Amino acid sequence: MCFAGRCTVATSHNCSPLFAECDALPPECPEGTLPSVADNRCWTGQCVPIELCGFRPDCTGCDDDHVCFRGFNDAAGTPYYCQPRPLACEGQVTCACASALCSSLGFQSCTDADDGVMQCSP
């Protein structure tokens, strides 16, 4: 997948516990991996490398050439995303240089939050 001047492996796994709604515990995963959630909203039983997770529980594992930001979701909580850092962003990532990350996921607005993590909202 290429976006904002950078190419990366597509993040296709949902690794956020916010989306697991079944009556089961997630698998124990080794460091550097997270349990994945299936389309049926239950744990797959698999652990996947953090860099392959689209939805995440937090910014852990999002390296320097990527941007960690959060989406807004009233019903389930707050999922986090890790996407390639746009070439226009140097130093601190702000909505001024990276709001396209929000719009690429279907969000309408971007806010620079006090904790330094961009917030995407509907």
N, C-alpha and C. Protein backbone atom coordinates (compact mmCIF):
# COMPACT_ATOMS: atom_id res chain seq x y z
N MET A 1 0.85 -1.17 0.00
CA MET A 1 0.00 0.00 0.00
C MET A 1 0.90 1.24 0.00
N CYS A 2 0.59 2.19 -0.83
CA CYS A 2 1.34 3.44 -0.85
C CYS A 2 0.40 4.58 -0.49
N PHE A 3 0.88 5.49 0.36
CA PHE A 3 0.08 6.62 0.80
C PHE A 3 1.00 7.74 1.23
N ALA A 4 0.67 8.95 0.85
CA ALA A 4 1.39 10.15 1.25
C ALA A 4 2.89 10.05 0.95
N GLY A 5 3.23 9.42 -0.17
CA GLY A 5 4.63 9.36 -0.58
C GLY A 5 5.41 8.22 0.02
N ARG A 6 4.77 7.33 0.78
CA ARG A 6 5.46 6.20 1.40
C ARG A 6 4.72 4.90 1.10
N CYS A 7 5.48 3.83 0.99
CA CYS A 7 4.88 2.52 0.77
C CYS A 7 5.17 1.63 1.97
N THR A 8 4.21 0.77 2.29
CA THR A 8 4.35 -0.12 3.43
C THR A 8 3.50 -1.35 3.21
N VAL A 9 3.70 -2.36 4.05
CA VAL A 9 2.83 -3.53 4.02
C VAL A 9 1.45 -3.10 4.50
N ALA A 10 0.42 -3.50 3.79
CA ALA A 10 -0.95 -3.14 4.17
C ALA A 10 -1.27 -3.71 5.55
N THR A 11 -1.86 -2.89 6.40
CA THR A 11 -2.24 -3.32 7.74
C THR A 11 -3.66 -3.87 7.67
N SER A 12 -3.76 -5.17 7.71
CA SER A 12 -5.05 -5.78 7.44
C SER A 12 -5.69 -6.45 8.65
N HIS A 13 -4.99 -6.57 9.75
CA HIS A 13 -5.54 -7.28 10.91
C HIS A 13 -6.14 -6.31 11.92
N ASN A 14 -7.26 -6.70 12.48
CA ASN A 14 -7.87 -5.95 13.58
C ASN A 14 -7.30 -6.54 14.86
N CYS A 15 -6.57 -5.75 15.62
CA CYS A 15 -5.93 -6.23 16.85
C CYS A 15 -6.42 -5.45 18.07
N SER A 16 -7.55 -4.80 17.96
CA SER A 16 -8.08 -4.03 19.08
C SER A 16 -9.12 -4.83 19.84
N PRO A 17 -8.94 -5.00 21.15
CA PRO A 17 -9.92 -5.73 21.95
C PRO A 17 -11.27 -5.04 21.98
N LEU A 18 -11.35 -3.80 21.56
CA LEU A 18 -12.62 -3.08 21.52
C LEU A 18 -13.63 -3.76 20.61
N PHE A 19 -13.12 -4.51 19.62
CA PHE A 19 -13.99 -5.11 18.63
C PHE A 19 -14.29 -6.59 18.90
N ALA A 20 -13.75 -7.13 19.98
CA ALA A 20 -14.02 -8.52 20.34
C ALA A 20 -15.25 -8.56 21.25
N GLU A 21 -16.31 -9.20 20.77
CA GLU A 21 -17.56 -9.23 21.53
C GLU A 21 -17.99 -10.64 21.91
N CYS A 22 -17.12 -11.61 21.77
CA CYS A 22 -17.49 -12.98 22.10
C CYS A 22 -17.12 -13.29 23.55
N ASP A 23 -17.63 -14.38 24.04
CA ASP A 23 -17.37 -14.78 25.42
C ASP A 23 -16.15 -15.70 25.46
N ALA A 24 -15.00 -15.15 25.12
CA ALA A 24 -13.75 -15.91 25.11
C ALA A 24 -12.59 -14.98 25.44
N LEU A 25 -11.54 -15.55 25.97
CA LEU A 25 -10.34 -14.77 26.28
C LEU A 25 -9.42 -14.76 25.07
N PRO A 26 -8.65 -13.67 24.89
CA PRO A 26 -7.69 -13.64 23.78
C PRO A 26 -6.54 -14.61 24.07
N PRO A 27 -5.84 -15.04 23.04
CA PRO A 27 -4.68 -15.91 23.27
C PRO A 27 -3.54 -15.12 23.91
N GLU A 28 -2.68 -15.79 24.62
CA GLU A 28 -1.45 -15.18 25.15
C GLU A 28 -0.50 -15.02 23.95
N CYS A 29 0.01 -13.82 23.76
CA CYS A 29 0.87 -13.57 22.60
C CYS A 29 2.27 -13.16 23.04
N PRO A 30 3.27 -13.60 22.28
CA PRO A 30 4.64 -13.18 22.60
C PRO A 30 4.84 -11.69 22.30
N GLU A 31 5.88 -11.14 22.90
CA GLU A 31 6.19 -9.73 22.69
C GLU A 31 6.34 -9.44 21.20
N GLY A 32 5.83 -8.30 20.78
CA GLY A 32 5.91 -7.90 19.38
C GLY A 32 4.74 -8.37 18.55
N THR A 33 3.81 -9.09 19.18
CA THR A 33 2.61 -9.55 18.48
C THR A 33 1.37 -9.21 19.30
N LEU A 34 0.22 -9.22 18.64
CA LEU A 34 -1.06 -8.97 19.30
C LEU A 34 -2.07 -10.01 18.83
N PRO A 35 -3.06 -10.32 19.67
CA PRO A 35 -4.12 -11.23 19.21
C PRO A 35 -5.00 -10.53 18.20
N SER A 36 -5.44 -11.27 17.18
CA SER A 36 -6.28 -10.65 16.16
C SER A 36 -7.75 -11.01 16.38
N VAL A 37 -8.61 -10.12 15.86
CA VAL A 37 -10.06 -10.26 15.98
C VAL A 37 -10.61 -10.56 14.58
N ALA A 38 -11.47 -11.57 14.48
CA ALA A 38 -12.05 -11.97 13.20
C ALA A 38 -13.26 -11.11 12.85
N ASP A 39 -13.74 -11.25 11.63
CA ASP A 39 -14.93 -10.52 11.18
C ASP A 39 -16.17 -10.85 12.01
N ASN A 40 -16.18 -12.04 12.63
CA ASN A 40 -17.32 -12.40 13.47
C ASN A 40 -17.23 -11.80 14.88
N ARG A 41 -16.25 -10.89 15.06
CA ARG A 41 -16.04 -10.13 16.30
C ARG A 41 -15.64 -11.02 17.47
N CYS A 42 -14.88 -12.07 17.17
CA CYS A 42 -14.31 -12.93 18.19
C CYS A 42 -12.83 -13.12 17.88
N TRP A 43 -12.06 -13.52 18.87
CA TRP A 43 -10.63 -13.74 18.69
C TRP A 43 -10.39 -14.83 17.67
N THR A 44 -9.39 -14.66 16.82
CA THR A 44 -9.06 -15.70 15.84
C THR A 44 -8.26 -16.83 16.47
N GLY A 45 -7.64 -16.55 17.61
CA GLY A 45 -6.75 -17.51 18.24
C GLY A 45 -5.32 -17.36 17.74
N GLN A 46 -5.11 -16.43 16.83
CA GLN A 46 -3.79 -16.19 16.24
C GLN A 46 -3.16 -14.92 16.81
N CYS A 47 -1.84 -14.93 16.87
CA CYS A 47 -1.07 -13.74 17.23
C CYS A 47 -0.39 -13.25 15.95
N VAL A 48 -0.50 -11.96 15.68
CA VAL A 48 0.09 -11.41 14.46
C VAL A 48 1.10 -10.32 14.83
N PRO A 49 2.12 -10.12 13.99
CA PRO A 49 3.08 -9.05 14.26
C PRO A 49 2.36 -7.69 14.36
N ILE A 50 2.76 -6.88 15.32
CA ILE A 50 2.11 -5.59 15.55
C ILE A 50 2.04 -4.76 14.28
N GLU A 51 3.09 -4.81 13.46
CA GLU A 51 3.11 -3.97 12.26
C GLU A 51 2.04 -4.35 11.24
N LEU A 52 1.38 -5.48 11.39
CA LEU A 52 0.31 -5.88 10.48
C LEU A 52 -1.07 -5.55 11.03
N CYS A 53 -1.11 -4.89 12.17
CA CYS A 53 -2.39 -4.54 12.80
C CYS A 53 -2.85 -3.16 12.34
N GLY A 54 -4.06 -3.10 11.78
CA GLY A 54 -4.66 -1.83 11.40
C GLY A 54 -5.23 -1.16 12.64
N PHE A 55 -6.21 -1.79 13.27
CA PHE A 55 -6.75 -1.32 14.55
C PHE A 55 -5.85 -1.86 15.66
N ARG A 56 -5.54 -1.00 16.62
CA ARG A 56 -4.67 -1.38 17.74
C ARG A 56 -5.25 -0.87 19.05
N PRO A 57 -4.82 -1.45 20.18
CA PRO A 57 -5.31 -0.96 21.46
C PRO A 57 -4.63 0.33 21.93
N ASP A 58 -3.44 0.64 21.36
CA ASP A 58 -2.70 1.85 21.74
C ASP A 58 -1.60 2.09 20.70
N CYS A 59 -0.65 2.96 21.01
CA CYS A 59 0.40 3.31 20.06
C CYS A 59 1.64 2.41 20.14
N THR A 60 1.61 1.41 21.00
CA THR A 60 2.76 0.52 21.15
C THR A 60 3.11 -0.13 19.81
N GLY A 61 4.38 -0.13 19.48
CA GLY A 61 4.85 -0.78 18.26
C GLY A 61 4.75 0.07 17.01
N CYS A 62 4.31 1.29 17.13
CA CYS A 62 4.25 2.18 15.97
C CYS A 62 5.58 2.92 15.90
N ASP A 63 6.43 2.54 14.94
CA ASP A 63 7.79 3.07 14.90
C ASP A 63 7.87 4.49 14.34
N ASP A 64 9.07 5.05 14.32
CA ASP A 64 9.29 6.45 13.98
C ASP A 64 8.90 6.84 12.55
N ASP A 65 8.91 5.90 11.62
CA ASP A 65 8.54 6.28 10.26
C ASP A 65 7.04 6.09 10.01
N HIS A 66 6.29 5.91 11.11
CA HIS A 66 4.84 5.81 11.06
C HIS A 66 4.21 6.84 12.00
N VAL A 67 2.91 7.03 11.86
CA VAL A 67 2.16 7.96 12.71
C VAL A 67 1.10 7.17 13.46
N CYS A 68 1.07 7.33 14.76
CA CYS A 68 0.00 6.74 15.56
C CYS A 68 -1.05 7.81 15.79
N PHE A 69 -2.30 7.47 15.51
CA PHE A 69 -3.40 8.41 15.76
C PHE A 69 -4.62 7.61 16.17
N ARG A 70 -5.56 8.27 16.77
CA ARG A 70 -6.75 7.56 17.25
C ARG A 70 -7.99 7.99 16.48
N GLY A 71 -8.88 7.05 16.35
CA GLY A 71 -10.17 7.32 15.75
C GLY A 71 -11.20 7.54 16.83
N PHE A 72 -12.33 8.03 16.45
CA PHE A 72 -13.40 8.29 17.41
C PHE A 72 -14.47 7.24 17.22
N ASN A 73 -14.88 6.60 18.31
CA ASN A 73 -15.90 5.57 18.22
C ASN A 73 -16.64 5.53 19.56
N ASP A 74 -17.79 6.16 19.63
CA ASP A 74 -18.57 6.21 20.87
C ASP A 74 -18.95 4.84 21.39
N ALA A 75 -19.42 3.97 20.52
CA ALA A 75 -19.98 2.69 20.93
C ALA A 75 -18.92 1.74 21.49
N ALA A 76 -17.79 1.62 20.82
CA ALA A 76 -16.82 0.61 21.20
C ALA A 76 -15.64 1.15 22.00
N GLY A 77 -15.40 2.43 21.96
CA GLY A 77 -14.22 2.99 22.61
C GLY A 77 -13.37 3.71 21.57
N THR A 78 -12.07 3.69 21.77
CA THR A 78 -11.16 4.43 20.89
C THR A 78 -10.14 3.51 20.26
N PRO A 79 -10.29 3.19 18.97
CA PRO A 79 -9.25 2.40 18.30
C PRO A 79 -8.08 3.30 17.89
N TYR A 80 -6.91 2.74 17.86
CA TYR A 80 -5.71 3.45 17.41
C TYR A 80 -5.27 2.87 16.07
N TYR A 81 -4.63 3.70 15.28
CA TYR A 81 -4.14 3.31 13.96
C TYR A 81 -2.66 3.65 13.88
N CYS A 82 -1.93 2.93 13.06
CA CYS A 82 -0.53 3.23 12.80
C CYS A 82 -0.36 3.18 11.29
N GLN A 83 -0.04 4.32 10.68
CA GLN A 83 0.08 4.43 9.23
C GLN A 83 1.43 5.08 8.89
N PRO A 84 1.90 4.89 7.66
CA PRO A 84 3.17 5.50 7.27
C PRO A 84 3.13 7.02 7.46
N ARG A 85 4.22 7.56 7.97
CA ARG A 85 4.33 9.01 8.17
C ARG A 85 4.37 9.71 6.82
N PRO A 86 3.46 10.65 6.57
CA PRO A 86 3.52 11.41 5.31
C PRO A 86 4.85 12.15 5.19
N LEU A 87 5.37 12.22 3.98
CA LEU A 87 6.65 12.90 3.76
C LEU A 87 6.60 14.36 4.19
N ALA A 88 5.42 14.98 4.14
CA ALA A 88 5.28 16.39 4.51
C ALA A 88 5.45 16.61 6.01
N CYS A 89 5.38 15.56 6.81
CA CYS A 89 5.47 15.70 8.27
C CYS A 89 6.90 15.48 8.74
N GLU A 90 7.46 16.50 9.37
CA GLU A 90 8.77 16.39 10.01
C GLU A 90 8.57 16.72 11.48
N GLY A 91 9.26 16.02 12.35
CA GLY A 91 9.10 16.27 13.78
C GLY A 91 7.72 15.84 14.25
N GLN A 92 7.08 16.67 15.04
CA GLN A 92 5.76 16.37 15.58
C GLN A 92 4.72 16.31 14.46
N VAL A 93 3.96 15.23 14.44
CA VAL A 93 2.91 15.08 13.43
C VAL A 93 1.67 15.83 13.89
N THR A 94 1.15 16.68 13.00
CA THR A 94 -0.05 17.45 13.31
C THR A 94 -1.05 17.29 12.17
N CYS A 95 -2.24 17.76 12.40
CA CYS A 95 -3.26 17.71 11.37
C CYS A 95 -2.88 18.55 10.15
N ALA A 96 -2.03 19.55 10.35
CA ALA A 96 -1.61 20.40 9.23
C ALA A 96 -0.91 19.59 8.14
N CYS A 97 -0.18 18.55 8.53
CA CYS A 97 0.54 17.76 7.53
C CYS A 97 -0.02 16.34 7.36
N ALA A 98 -0.88 15.90 8.26
CA ALA A 98 -1.31 14.50 8.21
C ALA A 98 -2.81 14.27 8.28
N SER A 99 -3.62 15.30 8.06
CA SER A 99 -5.07 15.11 8.15
C SER A 99 -5.59 14.14 7.09
N ALA A 100 -4.82 13.95 6.00
CA ALA A 100 -5.24 13.00 4.97
C ALA A 100 -5.30 11.58 5.51
N LEU A 101 -4.55 11.29 6.57
CA LEU A 101 -4.63 9.96 7.19
C LEU A 101 -6.04 9.73 7.74
N CYS A 102 -6.63 10.76 8.35
CA CYS A 102 -7.99 10.65 8.87
C CYS A 102 -8.98 10.46 7.73
N SER A 103 -8.88 11.30 6.71
CA SER A 103 -9.85 11.21 5.62
C SER A 103 -9.72 9.90 4.85
N SER A 104 -8.51 9.32 4.79
CA SER A 104 -8.34 8.04 4.09
C SER A 104 -9.10 6.91 4.77
N LEU A 105 -9.42 7.08 6.04
CA LEU A 105 -10.16 6.06 6.80
C LEU A 105 -11.63 6.42 6.95
N GLY A 106 -12.07 7.48 6.25
CA GLY A 106 -13.48 7.85 6.26
C GLY A 106 -13.88 8.85 7.33
N PHE A 107 -12.92 9.38 8.07
CA PHE A 107 -13.23 10.40 9.08
C PHE A 107 -13.32 11.77 8.40
N GLN A 108 -14.11 12.66 9.00
CA GLN A 108 -14.34 13.98 8.42
C GLN A 108 -13.44 15.07 8.99
N SER A 109 -12.95 14.88 10.22
CA SER A 109 -12.15 15.95 10.82
C SER A 109 -10.94 15.40 11.56
N CYS A 110 -9.98 16.27 11.78
CA CYS A 110 -8.74 15.94 12.47
C CYS A 110 -8.49 17.01 13.53
N THR A 111 -8.12 16.57 14.72
CA THR A 111 -7.84 17.49 15.82
C THR A 111 -6.49 17.14 16.43
N ASP A 112 -5.67 18.15 16.68
CA ASP A 112 -4.40 17.94 17.37
C ASP A 112 -4.69 17.88 18.87
N ALA A 113 -4.54 16.71 19.46
CA ALA A 113 -4.85 16.52 20.87
C ALA A 113 -3.69 16.97 21.76
N ASP A 114 -4.01 17.28 23.01
CA ASP A 114 -3.00 17.75 23.96
C ASP A 114 -1.90 16.73 24.23
N ASP A 115 -2.21 15.43 24.10
CA ASP A 115 -1.21 14.41 24.37
C ASP A 115 -0.31 14.11 23.17
N GLY A 116 -0.47 14.86 22.07
CA GLY A 116 0.38 14.69 20.90
C GLY A 116 -0.09 13.62 19.93
N VAL A 117 -1.20 12.95 20.21
CA VAL A 117 -1.74 11.93 19.31
C VAL A 117 -2.94 12.52 18.59
N MET A 118 -2.88 12.58 17.26
CA MET A 118 -3.98 13.14 16.48
C MET A 118 -5.27 12.38 16.75
N GLN A 119 -6.38 13.10 16.73
CA GLN A 119 -7.70 12.51 16.91
C GLN A 119 -8.49 12.69 15.63
N CYS A 120 -8.99 11.58 15.07
CA CYS A 120 -9.85 11.62 13.88
C CYS A 120 -11.29 11.46 14.33
N SER A 121 -12.20 12.26 13.77
CA SER A 121 -13.59 12.21 14.18
C SER A 121 -14.51 12.17 12.96
N PRO A 122 -15.73 11.61 13.17
CA PRO A 122 -16.70 11.54 12.06
C PRO A 122 -17.12 12.93 11.59
